[in-house]
PDB file of N, CA and C in Angstrom:
ATOM      1  N   MET A   1      21.076  52.378  30.794  1.00  0.00           N
ATOM      2  CA  MET A   1      19.799  52.122  30.145  1.00  0.00           C
ATOM      3  C   MET A   1      19.381  50.681  30.384  1.00  0.00           C
ATOM      4  N   ASP A   2      18.174  50.512  30.878  1.00  0.00           N
ATOM      5  CA  ASP A   2      17.628  49.175  31.052  1.00  0.00           C
ATOM      6  C   ASP A   2      17.003  48.701  29.748  1.00  0.00           C
ATOM      7  N   THR A   3      16.375  47.547  29.802  1.00  0.00           N
ATOM      8  CA  THR A   3      15.672  47.016  28.644  1.00  0.00           C
ATOM      9  C   THR A   3      14.367  47.779  28.442  1.00  0.00           C
ATOM     10  N   ILE A   4      14.115  48.161  27.195  1.00  0.00           N
ATOM     11  CA  ILE A   4      12.853  48.813  26.852  1.00  0.00           C
ATOM     12  C   ILE A   4      11.951  47.774  26.200  1.00  0.00           C
ATOM     13  N   HIS A   5      10.720  47.659  26.706  1.00  0.00           N
ATOM     14  CA  HIS A   5       9.769  46.665  26.200  1.00  0.00           C
ATOM     15  C   HIS A   5       8.591  47.393  25.573  1.00  0.00           C
ATOM     16  N   LYS A   6       8.309  47.107  24.296  1.00  0.00           N
ATOM     17  CA  LYS A   6       7.182  47.717  23.596  1.00  0.00           C
ATOM     18  C   LYS A   6       6.437  46.652  22.808  1.00  0.00           C
ATOM     19  N   ILE A   7       5.153  46.927  22.531  1.00  0.00           N
ATOM     20  CA  ILE A   7       4.312  45.995  21.786  1.00  0.00           C
ATOM     21  C   ILE A   7       3.801  46.685  20.529  1.00  0.00           C
ATOM     22  N   GLY A   8       3.804  45.951  19.413  1.00  0.00           N
ATOM     23  CA  GLY A   8       3.244  46.442  18.165  1.00  0.00           C
ATOM     24  C   GLY A   8       2.273  45.419  17.610  1.00  0.00           C
ATOM     25  N   ARG A   9       1.201  45.901  16.972  1.00  0.00           N
ATOM     26  CA  ARG A   9       0.207  44.993  16.406  1.00  0.00           C
ATOM     27  C   ARG A   9      -0.117  45.393  14.977  1.00  0.00           C
ATOM     28  N   ARG A  10      -0.481  44.383  14.174  1.00  0.00           N
ATOM     29  CA  ARG A  10      -0.937  44.614  12.805  1.00  0.00           C
ATOM     30  C   ARG A  10      -1.755  43.407  12.390  1.00  0.00           C
ATOM     31  N   LYS A  11      -2.988  43.624  11.932  1.00  0.00           N
ATOM     32  CA  LYS A  11      -3.933  42.541  11.638  1.00  0.00           C
ATOM     33  C   LYS A  11      -4.027  41.641  12.868  1.00  0.00           C
ATOM     34  N   THR A  12      -3.639  40.372  12.774  1.00  0.00           N
ATOM     35  CA  THR A  12      -3.687  39.510  13.956  1.00  0.00           C
ATOM     36  C   THR A  12      -2.304  39.226  14.510  1.00  0.00           C
ATOM     37  N   ALA A  13      -1.281  39.891  14.005  1.00  0.00           N
ATOM     38  CA  ALA A  13       0.087  39.680  14.482  1.00  0.00           C
ATOM     39  C   ALA A  13       0.371  40.583  15.683  1.00  0.00           C
ATOM     40  N   VAL A  14       1.044  40.027  16.683  1.00  0.00           N
ATOM     41  CA  VAL A  14       1.443  40.781  17.867  1.00  0.00           C
ATOM     42  C   VAL A  14       2.947  40.582  18.058  1.00  0.00           C
ATOM     43  N   ALA A  15       3.675  41.704  18.165  1.00  0.00           N
ATOM     44  CA  ALA A  15       5.135  41.652  18.330  1.00  0.00           C
ATOM     45  C   ALA A  15       5.513  42.292  19.654  1.00  0.00           C
ATOM     46  N   ARG A  16       6.321  41.569  20.439  1.00  0.00           N
ATOM     47  CA  ARG A  16       6.888  42.116  21.669  1.00  0.00           C
ATOM     48  C   ARG A  16       8.366  42.334  21.424  1.00  0.00           C
ATOM     49  N   VAL A  17       8.824  43.578  21.616  1.00  0.00           N
ATOM     50  CA  VAL A  17      10.204  43.944  21.301  1.00  0.00           C
ATOM     51  C   VAL A  17      10.917  44.344  22.585  1.00  0.00           C
ATOM     52  N   TYR A  18      12.134  43.809  22.772  1.00  0.00           N
ATOM     53  CA  TYR A  18      12.980  44.148  23.911  1.00  0.00           C
ATOM     54  C   TYR A  18      14.268  44.746  23.362  1.00  0.00           C
ATOM     55  N   ILE A  19      14.550  46.002  23.734  1.00  0.00           N
ATOM     56  CA  ILE A  19      15.702  46.708  23.181  1.00  0.00           C
ATOM     57  C   ILE A  19      16.686  47.027  24.307  1.00  0.00           C
ATOM     58  N   THR A  20      17.963  46.683  24.064  1.00  0.00           N
ATOM     59  CA  THR A  20      19.042  47.010  24.991  1.00  0.00           C
ATOM     60  C   THR A  20      20.205  47.582  24.203  1.00  0.00           C
ATOM     61  N   LYS A  21      21.111  48.261  24.898  1.00  0.00           N
ATOM     62  CA  LYS A  21      22.329  48.756  24.254  1.00  0.00           C
ATOM     63  C   LYS A  21      23.114  47.568  23.727  1.00  0.00           C
ATOM     64  N   GLY A  22      23.713  47.708  22.538  1.00  0.00           N
ATOM     65  CA  GLY A  22      24.474  46.596  21.977  1.00  0.00           C
ATOM     66  C   GLY A  22      25.126  46.955  20.664  1.00  0.00           C
ATOM     67  N   LYS A  23      25.336  45.924  19.858  1.00  0.00           N
ATOM     68  CA  LYS A  23      26.065  46.095  18.614  1.00  0.00           C
ATOM     69  C   LYS A  23      25.190  46.040  17.365  1.00  0.00           C
ATOM     70  N   GLY A  24      23.873  45.895  17.519  1.00  0.00           N
ATOM     71  CA  GLY A  24      22.994  45.927  16.366  1.00  0.00           C
ATOM     72  C   GLY A  24      22.455  44.588  15.925  1.00  0.00           C
ATOM     73  N   SER A  25      22.492  43.569  16.796  1.00  0.00           N
ATOM     74  CA  SER A  25      21.952  42.266  16.407  1.00  0.00           C
ATOM     75  C   SER A  25      20.443  42.241  16.623  1.00  0.00           C
ATOM     76  N   ILE A  26      19.740  41.566  15.704  1.00  0.00           N
ATOM     77  CA  ILE A  26      18.289  41.434  15.802  1.00  0.00           C
ATOM     78  C   ILE A  26      17.947  39.951  15.797  1.00  0.00           C
ATOM     79  N   THR A  27      17.230  39.520  16.818  1.00  0.00           N
ATOM     80  CA  THR A  27      16.797  38.128  16.937  1.00  0.00           C
ATOM     81  C   THR A  27      15.274  38.095  16.972  1.00  0.00           C
ATOM     82  N   ILE A  28      14.688  37.302  16.078  1.00  0.00           N
ATOM     83  CA  ILE A  28      13.235  37.187  16.010  1.00  0.00           C
ATOM     84  C   ILE A  28      12.852  35.737  16.276  1.00  0.00           C
ATOM     85  N   ASN A  29      12.074  35.517  17.329  1.00  0.00           N
ATOM     86  CA  ASN A  29      11.664  34.168  17.737  1.00  0.00           C
ATOM     87  C   ASN A  29      12.864  33.219  17.812  1.00  0.00           C
ATOM     88  N   GLU A  30      13.938  33.688  18.422  1.00  0.00           N
ATOM     89  CA  GLU A  30      15.181  32.934  18.624  1.00  0.00           C
ATOM     90  C   GLU A  30      15.835  32.505  17.321  1.00  0.00           C
ATOM     91  N   ARG A  31      15.553  33.228  16.239  1.00  0.00           N
ATOM     92  CA  ARG A  31      16.205  32.999  14.950  1.00  0.00           C
ATOM     93  C   ARG A  31      16.838  34.298  14.495  1.00  0.00           C
ATOM     94  N   ALA A  32      17.858  34.179  13.660  1.00  0.00           N
ATOM     95  CA  ALA A  32      18.513  35.377  13.147  1.00  0.00           C
ATOM     96  C   ALA A  32      17.558  36.148  12.250  1.00  0.00           C
ATOM     97  N   PHE A  33      17.700  37.465  12.258  1.00  0.00           N
ATOM     98  CA  PHE A  33      16.823  38.355  11.481  1.00  0.00           C
ATOM     99  C   PHE A  33      16.851  37.997  10.003  1.00  0.00           C
ATOM    100  N   GLU A  34      18.034  37.708   9.446  1.00  0.00           N
ATOM    101  CA  GLU A  34      18.172  37.400   8.021  1.00  0.00           C
ATOM    102  C   GLU A  34      17.493  36.090   7.657  1.00  0.00           C
ATOM    103  N   ASN A  35      17.429  35.153   8.602  1.00  0.00           N
ATOM    104  CA  ASN A  35      16.799  33.857   8.328  1.00  0.00           C
ATOM    105  C   ASN A  35      15.284  33.912   8.486  1.00  0.00           C
ATOM    106  N   TYR A  36      14.793  34.810   9.334  1.00  0.00           N
ATOM    107  CA  TYR A  36      13.354  34.861   9.590  1.00  0.00           C
ATOM    108  C   TYR A  36      12.613  35.523   8.437  1.00  0.00           C
ATOM    109  N   PHE A  37      13.086  36.697   8.004  1.00  0.00           N
ATOM    110  CA  PHE A  37      12.478  37.394   6.872  1.00  0.00           C
ATOM    111  C   PHE A  37      13.373  37.211   5.658  1.00  0.00           C
ATOM    112  N   THR A  38      12.837  36.590   4.613  1.00  0.00           N
ATOM    113  CA  THR A  38      13.664  36.243   3.457  1.00  0.00           C
ATOM    114  C   THR A  38      13.661  37.319   2.383  1.00  0.00           C
ATOM    115  N   THR A  39      12.565  38.062   2.220  1.00  0.00           N
ATOM    116  CA  THR A  39      12.513  39.051   1.147  1.00  0.00           C
ATOM    117  C   THR A  39      13.081  40.386   1.615  1.00  0.00           C
ATOM    118  N   ASP A  40      13.613  41.138   0.660  1.00  0.00           N
ATOM    119  CA  ASP A  40      14.213  42.436   0.973  1.00  0.00           C
ATOM    120  C   ASP A  40      13.170  43.445   1.450  1.00  0.00           C
ATOM    121  N   THR A  41      11.948  43.338   0.935  1.00  0.00           N
ATOM    122  CA  THR A  41      10.886  44.265   1.340  1.00  0.00           C
ATOM    123  C   THR A  41      10.585  44.135   2.831  1.00  0.00           C
ATOM    124  N   LEU A  42      10.474  42.907   3.314  1.00  0.00           N
ATOM    125  CA  LEU A  42      10.180  42.683   4.730  1.00  0.00           C
ATOM    126  C   LEU A  42      11.343  43.127   5.602  1.00  0.00           C
ATOM    127  N   LYS A  43      12.563  42.872   5.151  1.00  0.00           N
ATOM    128  CA  LYS A  43      13.746  43.320   5.905  1.00  0.00           C
ATOM    129  C   LYS A  43      13.783  44.836   5.980  1.00  0.00           C
ATOM    130  N   TYR A  44      13.435  45.497   4.880  1.00  0.00           N
ATOM    131  CA  TYR A  44      13.416  46.960   4.853  1.00  0.00           C
ATOM    132  C   TYR A  44      12.385  47.510   5.833  1.00  0.00           C
ATOM    133  N   LYS A  45      11.192  46.871   5.871  1.00  0.00           N
ATOM    134  CA  LYS A  45      10.132  47.336   6.775  1.00  0.00           C
ATOM    135  C   LYS A  45      10.582  47.278   8.226  1.00  0.00           C
ATOM    136  N   VAL A  46      11.264  46.202   8.603  1.00  0.00           N
ATOM    137  CA  VAL A  46      11.708  46.054   9.989  1.00  0.00           C
ATOM    138  C   VAL A  46      12.813  47.055  10.323  1.00  0.00           C
ATOM    139  N   MET A  47      13.710  47.300   9.368  1.00  0.00           N
ATOM    140  CA  MET A  47      14.857  48.181   9.626  1.00  0.00           C
ATOM    141  C   MET A  47      14.514  49.665   9.479  1.00  0.00           C
ATOM    142  N   GLN A  48      13.373  49.997   8.916  1.00  0.00           N
ATOM    143  CA  GLN A  48      13.011  51.382   8.606  1.00  0.00           C
ATOM    144  C   GLN A  48      13.119  52.336   9.798  1.00  0.00           C
ATOM    145  N   PRO A  49      12.557  52.029  10.983  1.00  0.00           N
ATOM    146  CA  PRO A  49      12.701  52.976  12.093  1.00  0.00           C
ATOM    147  C   PRO A  49      14.140  53.154  12.548  1.00  0.00           C
ATOM    148  N   LEU A  50      14.944  52.100  12.430  1.00  0.00           N
ATOM    149  CA  LEU A  50      16.341  52.193  12.850  1.00  0.00           C
ATOM    150  C   LEU A  50      17.157  53.039  11.881  1.00  0.00           C
ATOM    151  N   THR A  51      16.896  52.895  10.582  1.00  0.00           N
ATOM    152  CA  THR A  51      17.640  53.688   9.602  1.00  0.00           C
ATOM    153  C   THR A  51      17.242  55.159   9.653  1.00  0.00           C
ATOM    154  N   LEU A  52      15.954  55.438   9.852  1.00  0.00           N
ATOM    155  CA  LEU A  52      15.504  56.828   9.909  1.00  0.00           C
ATOM    156  C   LEU A  52      16.072  57.560  11.122  1.00  0.00           C
ATOM    157  N   THR A  53      16.197  56.846  12.252  1.00  0.00           N
ATOM    158  CA  THR A  53      16.726  57.471  13.467  1.00  0.00           C
ATOM    159  C   THR A  53      18.233  57.281  13.612  1.00  0.00           C
ATOM    160  N   GLU A  54      18.868  56.634  12.616  1.00  0.00           N
ATOM    161  CA  GLU A  54      20.317  56.398  12.578  1.00  0.00           C
ATOM    162  C   GLU A  54      20.798  55.634  13.810  1.00  0.00           C
ATOM    163  N   ASN A  55      20.105  54.535  14.118  1.00  0.00           N
ATOM    164  CA  ASN A  55      20.456  53.682  15.256  1.00  0.00           C
ATOM    165  C   ASN A  55      20.697  52.235  14.831  1.00  0.00           C
ATOM    166  N   LEU A  56      21.231  52.019  13.636  1.00  0.00           N
ATOM    167  CA  LEU A  56      21.383  50.659  13.123  1.00  0.00           C
ATOM    168  C   LEU A  56      22.302  49.801  13.983  1.00  0.00           C
ATOM    169  N   ASP A  57      23.404  50.366  14.467  1.00  0.00           N
ATOM    170  CA  ASP A  57      24.390  49.567  15.202  1.00  0.00           C
ATOM    171  C   ASP A  57      24.436  49.917  16.680  1.00  0.00           C
ATOM    172  N   SER A  58      23.378  50.521  17.202  1.00  0.00           N
ATOM    173  CA  SER A  58      23.401  50.988  18.587  1.00  0.00           C
ATOM    174  C   SER A  58      22.725  50.037  19.570  1.00  0.00           C
ATOM    175  N   PHE A  59      21.769  49.229  19.085  1.00  0.00           N
ATOM    176  CA  PHE A  59      20.949  48.442  20.002  1.00  0.00           C
ATOM    177  C   PHE A  59      20.852  46.990  19.567  1.00  0.00           C
ATOM    178  N   ASP A  60      20.755  46.118  20.577  1.00  0.00           N
ATOM    179  CA  ASP A  60      20.410  44.718  20.341  1.00  0.00           C
ATOM    180  C   ASP A  60      18.903  44.588  20.533  1.00  0.00           C
ATOM    181  N   ILE A  61      18.250  43.906  19.597  1.00  0.00           N
ATOM    182  CA  ILE A  61      16.791  43.800  19.622  1.00  0.00           C
ATOM    183  C   ILE A  61      16.395  42.329  19.661  1.00  0.00           C
ATOM    184  N   ILE A  62      15.569  41.985  20.635  1.00  0.00           N
ATOM    185  CA  ILE A  62      15.018  40.633  20.741  1.00  0.00           C
ATOM    186  C   ILE A  62      13.512  40.761  20.543  1.00  0.00           C
ATOM    187  N   VAL A  63      12.962  39.964  19.620  1.00  0.00           N
ATOM    188  CA  VAL A  63      11.547  40.070  19.256  1.00  0.00           C
ATOM    189  C   VAL A  63      10.868  38.723  19.456  1.00  0.00           C
ATOM    190  N   ASN A  64       9.690  38.770  20.095  1.00  0.00           N
ATOM    191  CA  ASN A  64       8.782  37.624  20.120  1.00  0.00           C
ATOM    192  C   ASN A  64       7.553  38.041  19.335  1.00  0.00           C
ATOM    193  N   VAL A  65       7.260  37.315  18.243  1.00  0.00           N
ATOM    194  CA  VAL A  65       6.121  37.684  17.403  1.00  0.00           C
ATOM    195  C   VAL A  65       5.312  36.434  17.101  1.00  0.00           C
ATOM    196  N   PHE A  66       3.991  36.577  17.090  1.00  0.00           N
ATOM    197  CA  PHE A  66       3.122  35.447  16.759  1.00  0.00           C
ATOM    198  C   PHE A  66       1.869  35.971  16.096  1.00  0.00           C
ATOM    199  N   GLY A  67       1.182  35.077  15.396  1.00  0.00           N
ATOM    200  CA  GLY A  67      -0.072  35.420  14.732  1.00  0.00           C
ATOM    201  C   GLY A  67       0.150  36.062  13.387  1.00  0.00           C
ATOM    202  N   GLY A  68      -0.858  35.990  12.535  1.00  0.00           N
ATOM    203  CA  GLY A  68      -0.805  36.643  11.238  1.00  0.00           C
ATOM    204  C   GLY A  68       0.186  35.998  10.281  1.00  0.00           C
ATOM    205  N   GLY A  69       0.456  36.705   9.186  1.00  0.00           N
ATOM    206  CA  GLY A  69       1.423  36.243   8.200  1.00  0.00           C
ATOM    207  C   GLY A  69       2.711  37.030   8.317  1.00  0.00           C
ATOM    208  N   VAL A  70       3.623  36.814   7.385  1.00  0.00           N
ATOM    209  CA  VAL A  70       4.931  37.447   7.484  1.00  0.00           C
ATOM    210  C   VAL A  70       4.855  38.962   7.326  1.00  0.00           C
ATOM    211  N   THR A  71       3.990  39.466   6.453  1.00  0.00           N
ATOM    212  CA  THR A  71       3.874  40.916   6.265  1.00  0.00           C
ATOM    213  C   THR A  71       3.294  41.578   7.508  1.00  0.00           C
ATOM    214  N   GLY A  72       2.253  40.998   8.068  1.00  0.00           N
ATOM    215  CA  GLY A  72       1.673  41.534   9.291  1.00  0.00           C
ATOM    216  C   GLY A  72       2.667  41.510  10.439  1.00  0.00           C
ATOM    217  N   GLN A  73       3.460  40.446  10.517  1.00  0.00           N
ATOM    218  CA  GLN A  73       4.464  40.348  11.572  1.00  0.00           C
ATOM    219  C   GLN A  73       5.548  41.404  11.392  1.00  0.00           C
ATOM    220  N   ALA A  74       5.993  41.619  10.143  1.00  0.00           N
ATOM    221  CA  ALA A  74       7.018  42.624   9.888  1.00  0.00           C
ATOM    222  C   ALA A  74       6.522  44.018  10.263  1.00  0.00           C
ATOM    223  N   GLU A  75       5.273  44.326   9.933  1.00  0.00           N
ATOM    224  CA  GLU A  75       4.733  45.643  10.238  1.00  0.00           C
ATOM    225  C   GLU A  75       4.462  45.807  11.735  1.00  0.00           C
ATOM    226  N   ALA A  76       4.129  44.717  12.430  1.00  0.00           N
ATOM    227  CA  ALA A  76       3.964  44.779  13.885  1.00  0.00           C
ATOM    228  C   ALA A  76       5.307  45.053  14.561  1.00  0.00           C
ATOM    229  N   ILE A  77       6.354  44.410  14.069  1.00  0.00           N
ATOM    230  CA  ILE A  77       7.699  44.641  14.603  1.00  0.00           C
ATOM    231  C   ILE A  77       8.122  46.079  14.351  1.00  0.00           C
ATOM    232  N   ARG A  78       7.813  46.585  13.158  1.00  0.00           N
ATOM    233  CA  ARG A  78       8.174  47.967  12.818  1.00  0.00           C
ATOM    234  C   ARG A  78       7.511  48.964  13.765  1.00  0.00           C
ATOM    235  N   LEU A  79       6.235  48.749  14.076  1.00  0.00           N
ATOM    236  CA  LEU A  79       5.533  49.644  14.985  1.00  0.00           C
ATOM    237  C   LEU A  79       6.131  49.586  16.388  1.00  0.00           C
ATOM    238  N   ALA A  80       6.453  48.393  16.860  1.00  0.00           N
ATOM    239  CA  ALA A  80       7.020  48.245  18.203  1.00  0.00           C
ATOM    240  C   ALA A  80       8.395  48.910  18.299  1.00  0.00           C
ATOM    241  N   ILE A  81       9.230  48.732  17.271  1.00  0.00           N
ATOM    242  CA  ILE A  81      10.556  49.364  17.273  1.00  0.00           C
ATOM    243  C   ILE A  81      10.410  50.882  17.214  1.00  0.00           C
ATOM    244  N   SER A  82       9.466  51.373  16.425  1.00  0.00           N
ATOM    245  CA  SER A  82       9.234  52.813  16.338  1.00  0.00           C
ATOM    246  C   SER A  82       8.840  53.386  17.694  1.00  0.00           C
ATOM    247  N   ARG A  83       7.956  52.696  18.395  1.00  0.00           N
ATOM    248  CA  ARG A  83       7.538  53.154  19.719  1.00  0.00           C
ATOM    249  C   ARG A  83       8.715  53.166  20.695  1.00  0.00           C
ATOM    250  N   ALA A  84       9.590  52.170  20.576  1.00  0.00           N
ATOM    251  CA  ALA A  84      10.770  52.116  21.456  1.00  0.00           C
ATOM    252  C   ALA A  84      11.742  53.256  21.147  1.00  0.00           C
ATOM    253  N   MET A  85      11.902  53.585  19.859  1.00  0.00           N
ATOM    254  CA  MET A  85      12.804  54.684  19.477  1.00  0.00           C
ATOM    255  C   MET A  85      12.293  56.024  20.027  1.00  0.00           C
ATOM    256  N   VAL A  86      10.979  56.190  20.079  1.00  0.00           N
ATOM    257  CA  VAL A  86      10.410  57.422  20.633  1.00  0.00           C
ATOM    258  C   VAL A  86      10.660  57.487  22.139  1.00  0.00           C
ATOM    259  N   GLU A  87      10.549  56.338  22.811  1.00  0.00           N
ATOM    260  CA  GLU A  87      10.796  56.334  24.253  1.00  0.00           C
ATOM    261  C   GLU A  87      12.261  56.632  24.565  1.00  0.00           C
ATOM    262  N   LEU A  88      13.161  56.188  23.691  1.00  0.00           N
ATOM    263  CA  LEU A  88      14.583  56.481  23.887  1.00  0.00           C
ATOM    264  C   LEU A  88      14.868  57.969  23.759  1.00  0.00           C
ATOM    265  N   ASP A  89      14.341  58.580  22.708  1.00  0.00           N
ATOM    266  CA  ASP A  89      14.595  59.993  22.451  1.00  0.00           C
ATOM    267  C   ASP A  89      13.343  60.618  21.855  1.00  0.00           C
ATOM    268  N   GLU A  90      12.801  61.611  22.524  1.00  0.00           N
ATOM    269  CA  GLU A  90      11.549  62.233  22.086  1.00  0.00           C
ATOM    270  C   GLU A  90      11.692  62.942  20.740  1.00  0.00           C
ATOM    271  N   GLU A  91      12.926  63.303  20.335  1.00  0.00           N
ATOM    272  CA  GLU A  91      13.145  63.956  19.042  1.00  0.00           C
ATOM    273  C   GLU A  91      12.872  63.011  17.874  1.00  0.00           C
ATOM    274  N   ASN A  92      12.919  61.702  18.135  1.00  0.00           N
ATOM    275  CA  ASN A  92      12.639  60.720  17.087  1.00  0.00           C
ATOM    276  C   ASN A  92      11.168  60.730  16.670  1.00  0.00           C
ATOM    277  N   ARG A  93      10.297  61.265  17.528  1.00  0.00           N
ATOM    278  CA  ARG A  93       8.860  61.259  17.238  1.00  0.00           C
ATOM    279  C   ARG A  93       8.541  61.972  15.933  1.00  0.00           C
ATOM    280  N   SER A  94       9.101  63.163  15.728  1.00  0.00           N
ATOM    281  CA  SER A  94       8.800  63.931  14.513  1.00  0.00           C
ATOM    282  C   SER A  94       9.324  63.226  13.266  1.00  0.00           C
ATOM    283  N   ILE A  95      10.475  62.564  13.383  1.00  0.00           N
ATOM    284  CA  ILE A  95      11.063  61.839  12.241  1.00  0.00           C
ATOM    285  C   ILE A  95      10.172  60.667  11.845  1.00  0.00           C
ATOM    286  N   LEU A  96       9.774  59.880  12.841  1.00  0.00           N
ATOM    287  CA  LEU A  96       8.987  58.670  12.566  1.00  0.00           C
ATOM    288  C   LEU A  96       7.532  58.999  12.226  1.00  0.00           C
ATOM    289  N   LYS A  97       6.991  60.048  12.849  1.00  0.00           N
ATOM    290  CA  LYS A  97       5.590  60.399  12.604  1.00  0.00           C
ATOM    291  C   LYS A  97       5.386  60.901  11.179  1.00  0.00           C
ATOM    292  N   SER A  98       6.387  61.611  10.639  1.00  0.00           N
ATOM    293  CA  SER A  98       6.251  62.129   9.273  1.00  0.00           C
ATOM    294  C   SER A  98       6.198  60.999   8.244  1.00  0.00           C
ATOM    295  N   ASP A  99       6.818  59.859   8.554  1.00  0.00           N
ATOM    296  CA  ASP A  99       6.758  58.701   7.660  1.00  0.00           C
ATOM    297  C   ASP A  99       5.609  57.757   7.999  1.00  0.00           C
ATOM    298  N   GLY A 100       4.805  58.110   9.008  1.00  0.00           N
ATOM    299  CA  GLY A 100       3.637  57.303   9.356  1.00  0.00           C
ATOM    300  C   GLY A 100       3.956  56.015  10.087  1.00  0.00           C
ATOM    301  N   LEU A 101       5.080  55.954  10.785  1.00  0.00           N
ATOM    302  CA  LEU A 101       5.477  54.717  11.449  1.00  0.00           C
ATOM    303  C   LEU A 101       4.922  54.589  12.864  1.00  0.00           C
ATOM    304  N   LEU A 102       4.306  55.637  13.388  1.00  0.00           N
ATOM    305  CA  LEU A 102       3.754  55.564  14.739  1.00  0.00           C
ATOM    306  C   LEU A 102       2.255  55.317  14.739  1.00  0.00           C
ATOM    307  N   THR A 103       1.660  55.166  13.566  1.00  0.00           N
ATOM    308  CA  THR A 103       0.224  54.952  13.449  1.00  0.00           C
ATOM    309  C   THR A 103      -0.084  53.460  13.431  1.00  0.00           C
ATOM    310  N   ARG A 104      -0.982  53.040  14.320  1.00  0.00           N
ATOM    311  CA  ARG A 104      -1.412  51.639  14.343  1.00  0.00           C
ATOM    312  C   ARG A 104      -2.426  51.464  13.219  1.00  0.00           C
ATOM    313  N   ASP A 105      -2.138  50.590  12.259  1.00  0.00           N
ATOM    314  CA  ASP A 105      -3.038  50.372  11.128  1.00  0.00           C
ATOM    315  C   ASP A 105      -4.243  49.555  11.611  1.00  0.00           C
ATOM    316  N   PRO A 106      -5.447  50.122  11.608  1.00  0.00           N
ATOM    317  CA  PRO A 106      -6.592  49.436  12.212  1.00  0.00           C
ATOM    318  C   PRO A 106      -7.268  48.414  11.316  1.00  0.00           C
ATOM    319  N   ARG A 107      -6.842  48.294  10.069  1.00  0.00           N
ATOM    320  CA  ARG A 107      -7.563  47.410   9.140  1.00  0.00           C
ATOM    321  C   ARG A 107      -7.428  45.944   9.551  1.00  0.00           C
ATOM    322  N   MET A 108      -8.572  45.278   9.647  1.00  0.00           N
ATOM    323  CA  MET A 108      -8.609  43.870  10.011  1.00  0.00           C
ATOM    324  C   MET A 108      -9.444  43.136   8.968  1.00  0.00           C
ATOM    325  N   VAL A 109      -9.390  41.820   9.001  1.00  0.00           N
ATOM    326  CA  VAL A 109     -10.181  41.011   8.084  1.00  0.00           C
ATOM    327  C   VAL A 109     -11.640  41.088   8.506  1.00  0.00           C
ATOM    328  N   GLU A 110     -12.510  41.346   7.537  1.00  0.00           N
ATOM    329  CA  GLU A 110     -13.937  41.418   7.824  1.00  0.00           C
ATOM    330  C   GLU A 110     -14.477  40.007   8.038  1.00  0.00           C
ATOM    331  N   ARG A 111     -15.376  39.868   9.001  1.00  0.00           N
ATOM    332  CA  ARG A 111     -15.868  38.527   9.327  1.00  0.00           C
ATOM    333  C   ARG A 111     -16.841  38.021   8.268  1.00  0.00           C
ATOM    334  N   LYS A 112     -16.920  36.684   8.153  1.00  0.00           N
ATOM    335  CA  LYS A 112     -17.875  36.057   7.255  1.00  0.00           C
ATOM    336  C   LYS A 112     -19.264  36.131   7.879  1.00  0.00           C
ATOM    337  N   LYS A 113     -20.270  36.461   7.043  1.00  0.00           N
ATOM    338  CA  LYS A 113     -21.644  36.535   7.536  1.00  0.00           C
ATOM    339  C   LYS A 113     -22.404  35.261   7.169  1.00  0.00           C
ATOM    340  N   PHE A 114     -23.377  34.904   7.994  1.00  0.00           N
ATOM    341  CA  PHE A 114     -24.178  33.711   7.717  1.00  0.00           C
ATOM    342  C   PHE A 114     -25.059  33.975   6.504  1.00  0.00           C
ATOM    343  N   GLY A 115     -25.343  32.921   5.743  1.00  0.00           N
ATOM    344  CA  GLY A 115     -26.159  33.060   4.547  1.00  0.00           C
ATOM    345  C   GLY A 115     -25.387  33.624   3.366  1.00  0.00           C
ATOM    346  N   GLN A 116     -24.083  33.803   3.533  1.00  0.00           N
ATOM    347  CA  GLN A 116     -23.222  34.286   2.454  1.00  0.00           C
ATOM    348  C   GLN A 116     -22.027  33.361   2.327  1.00  0.00           C
ATOM    349  N   LYS A 117     -21.383  33.445   1.155  1.00  0.00           N
ATOM    350  CA  LYS A 117     -20.243  32.578   0.892  1.00  0.00           C
ATOM    351  C   LYS A 117     -19.009  33.056   1.659  1.00  0.00           C
ATOM    352  N   LYS A 118     -18.787  34.371   1.627  1.00  0.00           N
ATOM    353  CA  LYS A 118     -17.659  34.975   2.334  1.00  0.00           C
ATOM    354  C   LYS A 118     -18.151  36.250   3.012  1.00  0.00           C
ATOM    355  N   ALA A 119     -17.251  37.173   3.309  1.00  0.00           N
ATOM    356  CA  ALA A 119     -17.662  38.392   4.009  1.00  0.00           C
ATOM    357  C   ALA A 119     -18.619  39.222   3.163  1.00  0.00           C
ATOM    358  N   ARG A 120     -18.327  39.349   1.890  1.00  0.00           N
ATOM    359  CA  ARG A 120     -19.192  40.156   1.018  1.00  0.00           C
ATOM    360  C   ARG A 120     -19.757  39.369  -0.155  1.00  0.00           C
ATOM    361  N   LYS A 121     -19.085  38.289  -0.529  1.00  0.00           N
ATOM    362  CA  LYS A 121     -19.551  37.483  -1.653  1.00  0.00           C
ATOM    363  C   LYS A 121     -20.794  36.697  -1.245  1.00  0.00           C
ATOM    364  N   LYS A 122     -21.753  36.648  -2.145  1.00  0.00           N
ATOM    365  CA  LYS A 122     -22.983  35.927  -1.876  1.00  0.00           C
ATOM    366  C   LYS A 122     -22.988  34.602  -2.630  1.00  0.00           C
ATOM    367  N   PHE A 123     -23.903  33.708  -2.225  1.00  0.00           N
ATOM    368  CA  PHE A 123     -24.121  32.494  -2.999  1.00  0.00           C
ATOM    369  C   PHE A 123     -24.768  32.880  -4.321  1.00  0.00           C
ATOM    370  N   GLN A 124     -24.556  32.062  -5.345  1.00  0.00           N
ATOM    371  CA  GLN A 124     -25.113  32.359  -6.659  1.00  0.00           C
ATOM    372  C   GLN A 124     -26.638  32.403  -6.592  1.00  0.00           C
ATOM    373  N   PHE A 125     -27.213  33.439  -7.201  1.00  0.00           N
ATOM    374  CA  PHE A 125     -28.662  33.624  -7.187  1.00  0.00           C
ATOM    375  C   PHE A 125     -29.274  33.027  -8.443  1.00  0.00           C
ATOM    376  N   SER A 126     -30.290  32.200  -8.247  1.00  0.00           N
ATOM    377  CA  SER A 126     -30.992  31.596  -9.380  1.00  0.00           C
ATOM    378  C   SER A 126     -32.436  32.085  -9.356  1.00  0.00           C
ATOM    379  N   LYS A 127     -32.820  32.778 -10.410  1.00  0.00           N
ATOM    380  CA  LYS A 127     -34.176  33.343 -10.464  1.00  0.00           C
ATOM    381  C   LYS A 127     -35.211  32.233 -10.731  1.00  0.00           C
ATOM    382  N   ARG A 128     -34.851  31.260 -11.547  1.00  0.00           N
ATOM    383  CA  ARG A 128     -35.786  30.174 -11.883  1.00  0.00           C
ATOM    384  C   ARG A 128     -35.178  28.823 -11.619  1.00  0.00           C
TER     385      ARG A 128
END
């Protein structure tokens, strides 16, 4: 098995994932996985495709991620790992699809409009 390269996106975060056979180490932006994501929720999001497909200790994963915040980055990594698991074994598709891990979340920040304070908030209106 060669290296599998997949891309995942969420909001403005973009994650590039490289998966090879190994012992289960995860490196994100040349830092250890435990040091990069500090909360248990974010760690769970990243590990979710691996636990569902029972591949926790089978692959070494190297991730380059940029843009967005930590939650967007975690979800971008999750999508990229999910796509890689499907490429490894097509049977993983039904497992991951039922949990919604193969769907790219299209929600983005709405742009600010001119003549308004924010995207939807207006300046205070004074009648007199």
